[in-house]
Amino acid sequence: MTDTWSGDFYCVRCNDKRETQGEVVVGDNGRRMAKAVCPVCGTKLNRMLGKA
C-alpha cells in the first residue's frame, strides 16, 4: 500500500500552483517527497514534505 498526498504542487512549466494528488516516496537522503503529474501540461511535479 502506497501513501498518497493531495495538495498544491508548483508547476514550473505552467508557472502556477496546481491542486492534485501524488504518491509519497522516500528519497535517498531520507526525505519524503510527493510525486505527481500536472493535470494541464503533463509535466512531472515534485513536492518535498519532511523527514520520514
Protein backbone atom coordinates (compact mmCIF):
# COMPACT_ATOMS: atom_id res chain seq x y z
CA MET A 1 0.00 0.00 0.00
CA THR A 2 1.45 3.35 -1.03
CA ASP A 3 0.75 6.63 0.73
CA THR A 4 -0.81 9.46 -1.22
CA TRP A 5 -0.66 13.19 -0.60
CA SER A 6 -3.10 15.67 -2.05
CA GLY A 7 -2.43 19.36 -2.12
CA ASP A 8 -0.75 22.14 -4.06
CA PHE A 9 2.19 21.40 -6.33
CA TYR A 10 4.04 24.14 -8.22
CA CYS A 11 4.32 23.50 -11.95
CA VAL A 12 7.47 25.03 -13.43
CA ARG A 13 6.19 24.88 -16.99
CA CYS A 14 2.80 26.49 -16.26
CA ASN A 15 4.22 28.86 -13.58
CA ASP A 16 1.18 28.19 -11.42
CA LYS A 17 0.11 26.10 -8.44
CA ARG A 18 -1.97 23.04 -9.26
CA GLU A 19 -4.20 21.06 -6.89
CA THR A 20 -3.57 17.35 -7.47
CA GLN A 21 -2.85 14.06 -5.74
CA GLY A 22 0.54 12.36 -5.73
CA GLU A 23 2.35 9.28 -4.47
CA VAL A 24 4.66 9.64 -1.45
CA VAL A 25 8.17 8.20 -1.84
CA VAL A 26 11.27 8.38 0.39
CA GLY A 27 14.38 9.77 -1.26
CA ASP A 28 18.00 8.70 -0.78
CA ASN A 29 18.58 11.35 1.89
CA GLY A 30 15.58 10.22 3.99
CA ARG A 31 13.19 12.97 2.96
CA ARG A 32 9.64 12.24 1.95
CA MET A 33 8.58 13.55 -1.46
CA ALA A 34 5.22 13.62 -3.16
CA LYS A 35 5.41 12.98 -6.90
CA ALA A 36 2.57 13.70 -9.32
CA VAL A 37 1.80 14.79 -12.88
CA CYS A 38 0.45 18.22 -13.83
CA PRO A 39 -3.18 17.82 -14.96
CA VAL A 40 -2.79 20.66 -17.51
CA CYS A 41 0.55 20.13 -19.28
CA GLY A 42 1.67 16.65 -18.14
CA THR A 43 4.96 17.73 -16.52
CA LYS A 44 6.24 15.70 -13.57
CA LEU A 45 5.71 17.52 -10.26
CA ASN A 46 7.70 17.05 -7.06
CA ARG A 47 6.98 18.41 -3.58
CA MET A 48 9.26 17.98 -0.56
CA LEU A 49 7.29 17.03 2.54
CA GLY A 50 9.50 16.33 5.56
CA LYS A 51 11.78 13.82 7.18
CA ALA A 52 10.41 10.29 7.35
